Amino acid sequence: MAKAHDSAGELIAGRYRLLDVLLREEGRTLWHGEDTAFGRPVVLTRSRAAGQPGEGTPEPAADRILRIAGILGPACHGGVAAVLDVVEEPGSVWTVTERPPGDPLSELLPHGPLDPVRVAGVALGVLDVLGAAHHEGVTHGELGPSQVWADEHGTVTVTGFGLAASADAPRATAPAYASPEQARGEGGTPAADLWALGAMMYALVEGRPLVEDRDSAEATFRAVDRLPVRKPQKAGPLAPAMSGLLRWDPVERVPEAVVREALTRILRQNFEEVTPPEPLPDLLGPAGDHRDGGAEDGSTGRAPGGPPVRRPVLLGAALAVTVVTALVFAVTAGLPGGDGTSASGPAPSRSAAGAPPAAPTAGTPAGRTPTASSKPSPSPSPTAGSALPSGFSLYRAPQGFAVALPSGWKPVETQSSGDLAYRVTFGASGDPRTLAVTYSTRLGPDPVAVWSAKEPNLRAVITGYERVGAIRPVTYRGLKGADMEWYSVVGGVRLRTLGRGFLIGGHRGFSLRWTTPADDWDSAADRQALKVFFDSFRTGEE
């Protein structure tokens, strides 16, 4: 095809209009653009074509990039930008993606050093994507600040996968972030991706790159391979993890799991320092509560329809959940919209033209489809005036709401804040299940979008976190809301939680959060309890 002119107003592939340059760097130019077929914003990245080592016919760049996008889309849970189209030209490749939230990290670098805790959060998001990609046998090979986007909500999106023709291909872009072995022309491996992550962390926290770009890519490569790594001065708690990634010998670089543990520890310590004594409740609380029960001698308790659970397990789980809940309050600041902000709209569909078809969500247990449940969650049908099933009674809370509870259940924990927000958690001794009712006064207008923006942080602090299916918009009693389900592991017990959040007006809303052992999710007793909760709940304003 004819070579594009690479100037504002030009159409790429007769469809994608170039608007203005977002970034120019060695081997790569990013443009704001418009998909004229659908009238939507896109990002167009023109990259120097990677080398094609070896003999034989290499896989065309368009096929390779789209194939890898099809692998990573479901594996990375929205952490990679959706690829809409790929256009090849002699010596270069145009990749068209949805516009990720936020801005590329390259836009942050000129504004000086960033706080180490913020950098740890961004790095953990990148590591999540790299870990998922490496698990699928995919390396990036071209990672640099312009390939990582982040926003104020903590959302991290990685672009640029598939540009390298193979693991042996020499690096074609952003030479200052090449690993020493890449600088020597040895190709990209998972260890090279980790070096690039360390180099980005260094640039963000120190306010200057690890290696300055030279007059040519070759000169920059020589500097990467020969110059010693300068000791960080502003990294604080990040220094050990960062230095572990920036070891010249790839065999000696710190493994992903160790880096993840170090970054998570930094975030947890910071959350513990900033978490107030009575943290702000969130609309769609992400951590499943788990209460202790049974006799003090270690006898077992049994949830209706569920297996016996020994008291030591339940007690340990309860303590762990208390910590995790506090961390999540600090991360989410009143989810969704609890910080007074909200996402600009619903999360991208990831199913636009040119993108591979949707695939099941990674991490879904074998034998399950990526939906909310193997059986649909019960649809609410308000029946507060109807007779309650045997074993349930209506509880009228002093806060004003009402809900029917199983016999023996009572409030086991109440949290409140100065802006009248609160959370009341219900349970019973010996019963591993809980229901948390949360009222919040600072909510954004779209629970689905805000959940999508916060999820990377939730994944960072919840042990064994796996989302079940998609975040689903719902209408509950005529009110706008969202359902989200996830797995967690507390005290060695795998739990499953359904959070239903809904808005009642004036930035106010409730959530009902049901948590039960995952093995009991489809039991008759648990399904009945969930249905009764949804059917009987009243806000106090009805």
Protein backbone atom coordinates (compact mmCIF):
# COMPACT_ATOMS: atom_id res chain seq x y z
CA MET A 1 0.00 0.00 0.00
CA ALA A 2 1.06 3.64 -0.37
CA LYS A 3 3.13 5.05 2.44
CA ALA A 4 1.29 7.42 4.78
CA HIS A 5 2.61 10.99 5.06
CA ASP A 6 2.61 11.00 8.86
CA SER A 7 1.09 14.49 9.19
CA ALA A 8 -2.02 15.89 10.87
CA GLY A 9 -5.20 15.36 8.89
CA GLU A 10 -3.88 12.37 6.96
CA LEU A 11 -5.87 9.14 6.91
CA ILE A 12 -4.15 5.86 7.73
CA ALA A 13 -5.64 2.91 5.86
CA GLY A 14 -8.30 5.33 4.57
CA ARG A 15 -9.99 5.34 7.98
CA TYR A 16 -7.89 6.56 10.92
CA ARG A 17 -7.33 10.34 10.92
CA LEU A 18 -4.16 11.70 12.52
CA LEU A 19 -4.99 14.63 14.81
CA ASP A 20 -1.91 15.67 16.78
CA VAL A 21 1.34 14.15 17.95
CA LEU A 22 1.29 12.85 21.50
CA LEU A 23 4.94 11.79 21.61
CA ARG A 24 7.99 11.33 19.42
CA GLU A 25 10.87 9.17 20.57
CA GLU A 26 13.56 7.01 19.04
CA GLY A 27 11.81 4.48 16.80
CA ARG A 28 8.25 5.44 17.76
CA THR A 29 5.65 8.21 17.27
CA LEU A 30 2.30 8.33 19.06
CA TRP A 31 -0.67 10.22 17.63
CA HIS A 32 -4.06 11.15 18.94
CA GLY A 33 -6.44 10.05 16.23
CA GLU A 34 -10.02 9.39 15.24
CA ASP A 35 -11.62 6.29 13.82
CA THR A 36 -13.76 7.97 11.16
CA ALA A 37 -15.85 4.85 10.65
CA PHE A 38 -17.18 4.99 14.21
CA GLY A 39 -16.34 8.53 15.31
CA ARG A 40 -14.34 7.35 18.30
CA PRO A 41 -10.95 8.46 19.63
CA VAL A 42 -7.99 6.16 19.06
CA VAL A 43 -4.25 6.16 19.56
CA LEU A 44 -2.08 5.42 16.53
CA THR A 45 1.49 4.33 17.17
CA ARG A 46 3.97 4.27 14.34
CA SER A 47 6.90 2.05 15.27
CA ARG A 48 10.07 1.17 13.44
CA ALA A 49 9.73 -2.39 12.21
CA ALA A 50 11.65 -4.86 14.32
CA GLY A 51 14.45 -6.85 12.77
CA GLN A 52 13.67 -10.22 11.24
CA PRO A 53 16.41 -12.61 12.34
CA GLY A 54 16.87 -16.06 10.99
CA GLU A 55 15.67 -17.62 7.78
CA GLY A 56 12.22 -18.39 6.49
CA THR A 57 9.16 -16.20 6.08
CA PRO A 58 8.36 -14.38 9.33
CA GLU A 59 4.80 -14.01 10.51
CA PRO A 60 3.36 -10.72 9.17
CA ALA A 61 3.38 -8.00 11.82
CA ALA A 62 -0.38 -7.46 11.59
CA ASP A 63 -1.11 -11.15 12.15
CA ARG A 64 1.39 -11.39 14.98
CA ILE A 65 0.16 -8.30 16.86
CA LEU A 66 -3.50 -9.29 16.53
CA ARG A 67 -2.75 -12.88 17.53
CA ILE A 68 -0.92 -11.77 20.67
CA ALA A 69 -3.70 -9.28 21.46
CA GLY A 70 -6.13 -12.19 21.32
CA ILE A 71 -4.02 -14.09 23.84
CA LEU A 72 -3.41 -11.22 26.25
CA GLY A 73 -6.85 -9.59 26.19
CA PRO A 74 -8.50 -12.22 28.40
CA ALA A 75 -5.30 -13.11 30.27
CA CYS A 76 -4.56 -9.56 31.45
CA HIS A 77 -8.06 -8.53 32.59
CA GLY A 78 -8.10 -5.20 30.73
CA GLY A 79 -4.47 -4.43 31.49
CA VAL A 80 -3.51 -4.30 27.80
CA ALA A 81 -4.89 -1.82 25.29
CA ALA A 82 -7.41 -3.28 22.87
CA VAL A 83 -5.87 -3.48 19.38
CA LEU A 84 -8.32 -2.32 16.70
CA ASP A 85 -6.15 -2.54 13.61
CA VAL A 86 -2.58 -2.93 12.38
CA VAL A 87 -1.27 -1.33 9.19
CA GLU A 88 2.12 -2.32 7.79
CA GLU A 89 4.34 -0.01 5.73
CA PRO A 90 7.87 -0.51 4.46
CA GLY A 91 10.07 -0.16 7.54
CA SER A 92 7.32 0.68 9.98
CA VAL A 93 4.10 -0.56 11.54
CA TRP A 94 1.00 1.43 12.58
CA THR A 95 -0.85 -0.04 15.58
CA VAL A 96 -4.31 1.37 16.24
CA THR A 97 -5.65 0.95 19.78
CA GLU A 98 -8.44 2.24 21.94
CA ARG A 99 -7.27 5.22 23.94
CA PRO A 100 -6.23 3.92 27.38
CA PRO A 101 -7.27 5.86 30.48
CA GLY A 102 -4.81 8.45 31.71
CA ASP A 103 -1.56 9.34 29.98
CA PRO A 104 1.64 7.54 29.03
CA LEU A 105 4.35 7.56 31.67
CA SER A 106 6.54 9.50 29.27
CA GLU A 107 4.25 12.48 29.91
CA LEU A 108 4.96 12.28 33.65
CA LEU A 109 8.75 12.17 33.42
CA PRO A 110 9.29 15.91 32.69
CA HIS A 111 7.35 16.85 35.84
CA GLY A 112 10.02 15.65 38.24
CA PRO A 113 10.34 12.78 40.70
CA LEU A 114 7.19 10.94 41.76
CA ASP A 115 6.42 9.64 45.21
CA PRO A 116 7.86 6.11 45.66
CA VAL A 117 4.48 4.76 46.83
CA ARG A 118 2.78 5.98 43.68
CA VAL A 119 5.55 4.48 41.57
CA ALA A 120 5.14 1.19 43.46
CA GLY A 121 1.44 1.13 42.55
CA VAL A 122 2.15 1.77 38.87
CA ALA A 123 4.97 -0.80 38.85
CA LEU A 124 2.70 -3.40 40.41
CA GLY A 125 0.14 -2.81 37.67
CA VAL A 126 2.80 -3.27 35.00
CA LEU A 127 4.09 -6.38 36.76
CA ASP A 128 0.57 -7.84 36.77
CA VAL A 129 0.45 -7.50 32.99
CA LEU A 130 3.98 -8.78 32.44
CA GLY A 131 3.38 -11.75 34.73
CA ALA A 132 0.22 -12.72 32.87
CA ALA A 133 1.93 -12.29 29.50
CA HIS A 134 4.99 -14.30 30.50
CA HIS A 135 2.72 -17.04 31.80
CA GLU A 136 1.22 -17.20 28.31
CA GLY A 137 4.70 -17.40 26.74
CA VAL A 138 4.58 -13.80 25.47
CA THR A 139 7.33 -11.24 26.09
CA HIS A 140 7.08 -7.56 25.30
CA GLY A 141 10.62 -6.77 24.20
CA GLU A 142 9.95 -3.07 23.47
CA LEU A 143 8.70 -1.85 26.86
CA GLY A 144 9.26 1.81 27.69
CA PRO A 145 7.42 4.75 29.31
CA SER A 146 5.40 5.52 26.20
CA GLN A 147 4.02 1.96 26.28
CA VAL A 148 2.59 2.27 29.80
CA TRP A 149 -0.46 4.44 30.54
CA ALA A 150 -1.69 5.32 34.02
CA ASP A 151 -4.42 7.50 35.48
CA GLU A 152 -5.17 9.06 38.85
CA HIS A 153 -7.36 6.11 39.84
CA GLY A 154 -4.45 3.67 39.65
CA THR A 155 -5.46 2.09 36.34
CA VAL A 156 -2.41 0.83 34.41
CA THR A 157 -2.58 -0.18 30.75
CA VAL A 158 0.28 -1.58 28.68
CA THR A 159 0.54 -1.26 24.90
CA GLY A 160 3.00 -2.44 22.27
CA PHE A 161 2.93 -6.22 22.64
CA GLY A 162 3.75 -8.13 19.48
CA LEU A 163 5.93 -5.54 17.80
CA ALA A 164 9.07 -7.66 18.19
CA ALA A 165 9.19 -10.29 15.47
CA SER A 166 10.54 -12.89 17.90
CA ALA A 167 12.35 -13.27 21.18
CA ASP A 168 15.61 -13.05 19.20
CA ALA A 169 14.73 -9.82 17.38
CA PRO A 170 16.89 -6.80 18.27
CA ARG A 171 15.08 -3.96 20.01
CA ALA A 172 13.66 -1.42 17.57
CA THR A 173 12.37 1.37 19.85
CA ALA A 174 13.16 3.26 23.08
CA PRO A 175 16.81 2.12 23.28
CA ALA A 176 17.35 3.80 26.67
CA TYR A 177 15.09 1.15 28.22
CA ALA A 178 16.78 -1.81 26.56
CA SER A 179 18.36 -4.36 28.85
CA PRO A 180 22.12 -4.86 28.52
CA GLU A 181 21.58 -8.12 26.65
CA GLN A 182 19.18 -6.39 24.24
CA ALA A 183 21.72 -3.62 23.78
CA ARG A 184 24.15 -6.31 22.64
CA GLY A 185 21.60 -7.55 20.11
CA GLU A 186 20.66 -10.72 21.98
CA GLY A 187 16.91 -10.20 21.84
CA GLY A 188 14.18 -9.84 24.43
CA THR A 189 13.24 -12.29 27.20
CA PRO A 190 11.09 -12.01 30.33
CA ALA A 191 14.24 -10.87 32.14
CA ALA A 192 14.62 -8.03 29.62
CA ASP A 193 11.04 -6.92 30.34
CA LEU A 194 11.88 -6.84 34.05
CA TRP A 195 14.93 -4.67 33.38
CA ALA A 196 12.72 -2.24 31.43
CA LEU A 197 10.31 -2.12 34.38
CA GLY A 198 13.19 -1.34 36.73
CA ALA A 199 14.47 1.37 34.37
CA MET A 200 11.01 2.97 34.25
CA MET A 201 10.74 2.87 38.05
CA TYR A 202 14.17 4.53 38.26
CA ALA A 203 13.19 7.32 35.86
CA LEU A 204 9.89 8.01 37.64
CA VAL A 205 11.22 8.06 41.19
CA GLU A 206 14.57 9.73 40.50
CA GLY A 207 13.25 12.28 38.00
CA ARG A 208 15.88 11.34 35.42
CA PRO A 209 16.38 8.30 33.18
CA LEU A 210 18.81 5.55 33.99
CA VAL A 211 20.53 6.21 30.65
CA GLU A 212 20.18 9.41 28.65
CA ASP A 213 19.37 9.04 24.95
CA ARG A 214 22.45 9.59 22.76
CA ASP A 215 22.63 10.90 19.21
CA SER A 216 21.81 7.48 17.79
CA ALA A 217 20.21 4.26 18.93
CA GLU A 218 23.56 2.51 18.59
CA ALA A 219 25.25 5.02 20.90
CA THR A 220 22.45 4.64 23.44
CA PHE A 221 22.76 0.86 23.30
CA ARG A 222 26.50 1.14 24.00
CA ALA A 223 25.78 3.32 27.04
CA VAL A 224 23.23 0.83 28.37
CA ASP A 225 25.70 -2.03 28.07
CA ARG A 226 28.76 -0.24 29.45
CA LEU A 227 27.74 2.38 31.98
CA PRO A 228 27.27 1.38 35.61
CA VAL A 229 23.84 1.83 37.17
CA ARG A 230 23.77 5.00 39.22
CA LYS A 231 22.74 4.47 42.82
CA PRO A 232 19.21 5.80 43.39
CA GLN A 233 18.94 8.78 45.73
CA LYS A 234 15.16 9.26 46.05
CA ALA A 235 13.78 5.74 45.80
CA GLY A 236 13.32 5.17 49.53
CA PRO A 237 11.59 1.82 50.09
CA LEU A 238 11.64 1.13 46.33
CA ALA A 239 15.41 0.92 46.17
CA PRO A 240 15.87 -2.83 46.90
CA ALA A 241 13.27 -4.01 44.37
CA MET A 242 14.46 -1.55 41.75
CA SER A 243 18.11 -2.45 42.20
CA GLY A 244 17.20 -6.13 42.02
CA LEU A 245 15.66 -5.59 38.58
CA LEU A 246 18.62 -3.56 37.32
CA ARG A 247 21.28 -6.26 37.59
CA TRP A 248 23.48 -6.49 34.53
CA ASP A 249 23.34 -10.30 34.36
CA PRO A 250 19.77 -11.39 33.55
CA VAL A 251 20.23 -14.60 35.53
CA GLU A 252 20.76 -12.54 38.69
CA ARG A 253 17.67 -10.34 38.32
CA VAL A 254 15.12 -10.66 41.06
CA PRO A 255 12.17 -12.90 40.04
CA GLU A 256 8.71 -11.46 39.44
CA ALA A 257 7.28 -13.04 42.60
CA VAL A 258 9.90 -11.41 44.81
CA VAL A 259 9.38 -8.01 43.19
CA ARG A 260 5.61 -8.37 43.60
CA GLU A 261 6.00 -9.13 47.30
CA ALA A 262 8.26 -6.11 47.81
CA LEU A 263 5.91 -3.72 45.97
CA THR A 264 2.87 -5.05 47.80
CA ARG A 265 4.64 -4.61 51.13
CA ILE A 266 5.32 -0.94 50.30
CA LEU A 267 1.66 -0.36 49.47
CA ARG A 268 0.44 -2.17 52.57
CA GLN A 269 2.73 -0.24 54.88
CA ASN A 270 1.58 3.02 53.35
CA PHE A 271 -2.09 2.01 53.61
CA GLU A 272 -1.66 1.15 57.28
CA GLU A 273 -0.08 4.55 57.94
CA VAL A 274 -2.82 6.55 56.19
CA THR A 275 -5.86 4.47 57.12
CA PRO A 276 -8.00 6.35 59.70
CA PRO A 277 -9.33 4.56 62.80
CA GLU A 278 -12.82 4.49 61.28
CA PRO A 279 -12.26 4.11 57.53
CA LEU A 280 -14.76 5.38 55.02
CA PRO A 281 -17.12 2.63 53.86
CA ASP A 282 -17.15 1.82 50.17
CA LEU A 283 -20.14 1.12 47.94
CA LEU A 284 -18.87 -2.14 46.51
CA GLY A 285 -16.55 -3.41 49.24
CA PRO A 286 -13.94 -5.76 47.78
CA ALA A 287 -12.93 -7.88 50.75
CA GLY A 288 -15.15 -10.69 51.97
CA ASP A 289 -15.80 -10.61 55.71
CA HIS A 290 -15.35 -13.87 57.55
CA ARG A 291 -16.47 -14.29 61.15
CA ASP A 292 -15.25 -16.66 63.83
CA GLY A 293 -17.57 -19.10 65.49
CA GLY A 294 -17.86 -22.34 67.46
CA ALA A 295 -16.70 -23.18 70.92
CA GLU A 296 -13.43 -21.93 72.29
CA ASP A 297 -12.10 -25.46 72.50
CA GLY A 298 -11.79 -25.59 68.70
CA SER A 299 -15.09 -27.33 68.02
CA THR A 300 -16.61 -26.85 64.63
CA GLY A 301 -19.38 -24.61 63.41
CA ARG A 302 -21.53 -25.26 60.37
CA ALA A 303 -23.24 -22.86 58.04
CA PRO A 304 -26.67 -23.95 56.84
CA GLY A 305 -25.97 -26.08 53.80
CA GLY A 306 -22.22 -25.72 54.25
CA PRO A 307 -19.28 -27.77 55.55
CA PRO A 308 -18.02 -27.55 59.14
CA VAL A 309 -15.35 -24.91 59.67
CA ARG A 310 -13.06 -25.08 62.71
CA ARG A 311 -12.90 -22.06 64.97
CA PRO A 312 -9.12 -21.45 64.57
CA VAL A 313 -9.58 -21.14 60.79
CA LEU A 314 -12.50 -18.76 61.17
CA LEU A 315 -10.75 -16.64 63.76
CA GLY A 316 -7.64 -16.28 61.65
CA ALA A 317 -9.74 -15.47 58.61
CA ALA A 318 -11.64 -12.80 60.51
CA LEU A 319 -8.42 -11.10 61.61
CA ALA A 320 -7.01 -11.26 58.09
CA VAL A 321 -10.16 -9.80 56.57
CA THR A 322 -10.11 -6.92 59.04
CA VAL A 323 -6.64 -5.98 57.77
CA VAL A 324 -7.55 -6.45 54.10
CA THR A 325 -10.73 -4.40 54.47
CA ALA A 326 -8.75 -1.53 55.96
CA LEU A 327 -6.27 -1.69 53.09
CA VAL A 328 -9.06 -1.61 50.54
CA PHE A 329 -10.68 1.40 52.19
CA ALA A 330 -7.38 3.20 51.84
CA VAL A 331 -6.96 2.16 48.20
CA THR A 332 -10.48 2.87 47.01
CA ALA A 333 -11.36 5.88 49.16
CA GLY A 334 -15.03 5.03 49.12
CA LEU A 335 -15.63 2.92 46.03
CA PRO A 336 -17.07 3.82 43.64
CA GLY A 337 -16.55 7.56 43.41
CA GLY A 338 -15.68 7.87 47.06
CA ASP A 339 -12.92 10.33 46.29
CA GLY A 340 -15.42 12.62 44.66
CA THR A 341 -14.35 11.59 41.20
CA SER A 342 -15.71 9.16 38.69
CA ALA A 343 -14.75 7.55 35.46
CA SER A 344 -15.82 9.41 32.36
CA GLY A 345 -17.96 6.58 31.12
CA PRO A 346 -18.35 2.84 30.91
CA ALA A 347 -15.32 0.68 30.44
CA PRO A 348 -14.39 -0.05 26.79
CA SER A 349 -16.14 -3.01 25.25
CA ARG A 350 -12.88 -4.50 23.92
CA SER A 351 -14.84 -5.86 20.95
CA ALA A 352 -14.30 -3.23 18.28
CA ALA A 353 -13.51 -3.93 14.66
CA GLY A 354 -10.19 -5.63 14.13
CA ALA A 355 -9.92 -6.96 17.68
CA PRO A 356 -10.02 -10.69 18.29
CA PRO A 357 -13.27 -12.10 19.62
CA ALA A 358 -13.81 -12.07 23.37
CA ALA A 359 -12.52 -15.08 25.27
CA PRO A 360 -13.32 -16.51 28.69
CA THR A 361 -11.91 -14.59 31.61
CA ALA A 362 -8.55 -15.95 32.73
CA GLY A 363 -8.57 -17.50 36.13
CA THR A 364 -12.09 -18.87 35.88
CA PRO A 365 -12.12 -22.24 37.65
CA ALA A 366 -12.27 -25.30 35.47
CA GLY A 367 -15.77 -26.32 34.55
CA ARG A 368 -17.20 -22.82 34.99
CA THR A 369 -18.12 -20.32 32.34
CA PRO A 370 -16.97 -16.71 32.80
CA THR A 371 -20.34 -15.58 34.08
CA ALA A 372 -21.44 -14.52 37.51
CA SER A 373 -22.34 -18.05 38.51
CA SER A 374 -23.01 -21.47 37.09
CA LYS A 375 -26.58 -20.54 38.02
CA PRO A 376 -27.84 -16.99 37.55
CA SER A 377 -27.82 -14.77 40.62
CA PRO A 378 -31.36 -14.31 41.87
CA SER A 379 -33.21 -11.38 40.37
CA PRO A 380 -34.63 -9.09 43.03
CA SER A 381 -38.41 -8.97 43.33
CA PRO A 382 -39.35 -6.70 46.24
CA THR A 383 -41.43 -8.71 48.67
CA ALA A 384 -40.86 -6.97 51.98
CA GLY A 385 -44.53 -7.18 52.72
CA SER A 386 -44.68 -10.90 51.95
CA ALA A 387 -44.29 -13.62 54.56
CA LEU A 388 -40.64 -14.43 55.14
CA PRO A 389 -39.35 -17.99 54.71
CA SER A 390 -39.01 -20.06 57.84
CA GLY A 391 -35.79 -19.28 59.68
CA PHE A 392 -35.68 -15.56 58.73
CA SER A 393 -36.85 -12.47 60.59
CA LEU A 394 -36.88 -8.80 59.67
CA TYR A 395 -34.16 -6.67 61.25
CA ARG A 396 -34.71 -2.91 61.48
CA ALA A 397 -31.34 -1.18 61.88
CA PRO A 398 -30.93 1.97 63.99
CA GLN A 399 -29.34 3.52 60.90
CA GLY A 400 -32.75 3.33 59.19
CA PHE A 401 -32.50 0.42 56.74
CA ALA A 402 -34.21 -2.95 57.12
CA VAL A 403 -33.31 -6.44 55.91
CA ALA A 404 -34.41 -9.99 56.71
CA LEU A 405 -31.71 -12.11 58.38
CA PRO A 406 -31.32 -15.80 59.20
CA SER A 407 -32.15 -16.80 62.75
CA GLY A 408 -29.31 -16.04 65.14
CA TRP A 409 -27.73 -13.38 62.91
CA LYS A 410 -26.93 -9.97 64.35
CA PRO A 411 -24.57 -7.06 63.70
CA VAL A 412 -21.00 -8.23 64.34
CA GLU A 413 -19.18 -5.07 63.26
CA THR A 414 -20.22 -1.46 62.61
CA GLN A 415 -18.00 1.20 61.06
CA SER A 416 -18.86 4.85 60.47
CA SER A 417 -17.29 8.09 59.33
CA GLY A 418 -17.84 11.79 59.85
CA ASP A 419 -19.83 12.25 56.63
CA LEU A 420 -22.61 9.93 57.87
CA ALA A 421 -21.37 6.97 55.82
CA TYR A 422 -21.36 3.59 57.55
CA ARG A 423 -21.02 -0.15 57.14
CA VAL A 424 -22.83 -2.78 59.17
CA THR A 425 -21.69 -6.41 58.84
CA PHE A 426 -24.02 -9.22 59.91
CA GLY A 427 -23.21 -12.80 60.82
CA ALA A 428 -23.56 -15.46 63.47
CA SER A 429 -21.24 -17.54 65.61
CA GLY A 430 -20.26 -20.70 63.77
CA ASP A 431 -21.55 -19.43 60.42
CA PRO A 432 -18.78 -18.54 57.93
CA ARG A 433 -21.15 -16.44 55.82
CA THR A 434 -21.61 -12.67 56.15
CA LEU A 435 -23.73 -9.86 54.75
CA ALA A 436 -22.33 -6.31 54.77
CA VAL A 437 -24.64 -3.33 54.25
CA THR A 438 -22.80 -0.16 53.28
CA TYR A 439 -24.17 3.37 52.96
CA SER A 440 -21.94 5.96 51.26
CA THR A 441 -22.43 9.67 50.64
CA ARG A 442 -19.73 10.50 48.06
CA LEU A 443 -20.40 8.31 45.05
CA GLY A 444 -19.73 8.83 41.37
CA PRO A 445 -22.44 8.38 38.75
CA ASP A 446 -21.27 5.09 37.19
CA PRO A 447 -20.48 2.15 39.52
CA VAL A 448 -19.33 -0.04 36.60
CA ALA A 449 -16.74 2.43 35.34
CA VAL A 450 -15.34 3.16 38.78
CA TRP A 451 -15.05 -0.55 39.63
CA SER A 452 -13.13 -1.04 36.40
CA ALA A 453 -10.76 1.76 37.30
CA LYS A 454 -10.14 0.51 40.84
CA GLU A 455 -9.71 -3.19 40.17
CA PRO A 456 -5.92 -3.18 39.69
CA ASN A 457 -5.51 -1.84 43.22
CA LEU A 458 -7.97 -4.33 44.63
CA ARG A 459 -6.07 -7.17 43.03
CA ALA A 460 -2.92 -5.88 44.73
CA VAL A 461 -4.27 -6.15 48.28
CA ILE A 462 -6.72 -9.07 48.25
CA THR A 463 -5.14 -12.48 48.69
CA GLY A 464 -6.21 -14.94 46.00
CA TYR A 465 -8.28 -12.31 44.18
CA GLU A 466 -10.01 -13.53 41.02
CA ARG A 467 -12.91 -11.69 39.47
CA VAL A 468 -15.79 -13.87 38.31
CA GLY A 469 -17.09 -12.73 34.94
CA ALA A 470 -17.68 -9.11 34.03
CA ILE A 471 -18.76 -6.18 36.17
CA ARG A 472 -22.44 -6.00 35.28
CA PRO A 473 -24.75 -2.97 35.25
CA VAL A 474 -28.03 -3.77 37.00
CA THR A 475 -31.27 -2.07 37.84
CA TYR A 476 -32.30 -2.80 41.43
CA ARG A 477 -35.73 -1.63 42.53
CA GLY A 478 -35.64 0.91 39.71
CA LEU A 479 -32.23 2.26 40.78
CA LYS A 480 -28.94 2.30 38.85
CA GLY A 481 -26.36 -0.15 40.15
CA ALA A 482 -23.68 -2.72 39.39
CA ASP A 483 -22.92 -6.30 40.38
CA MET A 484 -19.40 -7.62 40.81
CA GLU A 485 -18.29 -11.07 41.98
CA TRP A 486 -14.87 -12.26 43.02
CA TYR A 487 -12.95 -14.97 44.81
CA SER A 488 -10.59 -14.40 47.72
CA VAL A 489 -8.67 -16.59 50.13
CA VAL A 490 -8.81 -15.82 53.85
CA GLY A 491 -7.25 -18.09 56.46
CA GLY A 492 -6.87 -20.84 53.86
CA VAL A 493 -10.60 -20.75 53.00
CA ARG A 494 -11.61 -19.81 49.46
CA LEU A 495 -14.49 -17.36 49.58
CA ARG A 496 -16.81 -15.98 46.96
CA THR A 497 -18.41 -12.55 47.21
CA LEU A 498 -21.23 -10.84 45.34
CA GLY A 499 -21.39 -7.07 45.77
CA ARG A 500 -24.51 -5.27 44.55
CA GLY A 501 -24.14 -1.50 44.72
CA PHE A 502 -26.87 0.96 43.78
CA LEU A 503 -27.34 4.72 43.81
CA ILE A 504 -30.25 6.46 45.56
CA GLY A 505 -29.49 10.03 44.46
CA GLY A 506 -27.41 12.98 45.56
CA HIS A 507 -24.11 11.05 45.41
CA ARG A 508 -25.55 8.57 47.92
CA GLY A 509 -25.97 4.84 47.64
CA PHE A 510 -25.97 1.43 49.29
CA SER A 511 -24.34 -1.89 48.66
CA LEU A 512 -25.26 -5.38 49.77
CA ARG A 513 -22.21 -7.60 49.91
CA TRP A 514 -22.73 -11.33 50.39
CA THR A 515 -19.72 -13.55 51.20
CA THR A 516 -19.76 -17.32 51.60
CA PRO A 517 -17.33 -20.25 51.20
CA ALA A 518 -16.95 -20.78 47.48
CA ASP A 519 -17.83 -24.47 47.77
CA ASP A 520 -21.27 -23.52 49.12
CA TRP A 521 -22.10 -20.87 46.53
CA ASP A 522 -24.78 -22.91 44.76
CA SER A 523 -26.20 -24.61 47.85
CA ALA A 524 -29.94 -24.26 48.38
CA ALA A 525 -29.43 -22.52 51.73
CA ASP A 526 -27.04 -19.92 50.32
CA ARG A 527 -29.17 -19.21 47.28
CA GLN A 528 -32.23 -18.77 49.46
CA ALA A 529 -30.39 -16.43 51.83
CA LEU A 530 -29.17 -14.23 48.99
CA LYS A 531 -32.63 -14.02 47.46
CA VAL A 532 -34.19 -13.07 50.80
CA PHE A 533 -31.57 -10.35 51.33
CA PHE A 534 -32.23 -8.81 47.94
CA ASP A 535 -36.00 -9.13 48.18
CA SER A 536 -36.36 -7.76 51.70
CA PHE A 537 -33.85 -4.92 51.82
CA ARG A 538 -35.29 -1.43 52.32
CA THR A 539 -33.20 1.75 52.43
CA GLY A 540 -35.32 3.57 55.02
CA GLU A 541 -36.37 6.16 52.45
CA GLU A 542 -39.03 3.96 50.88
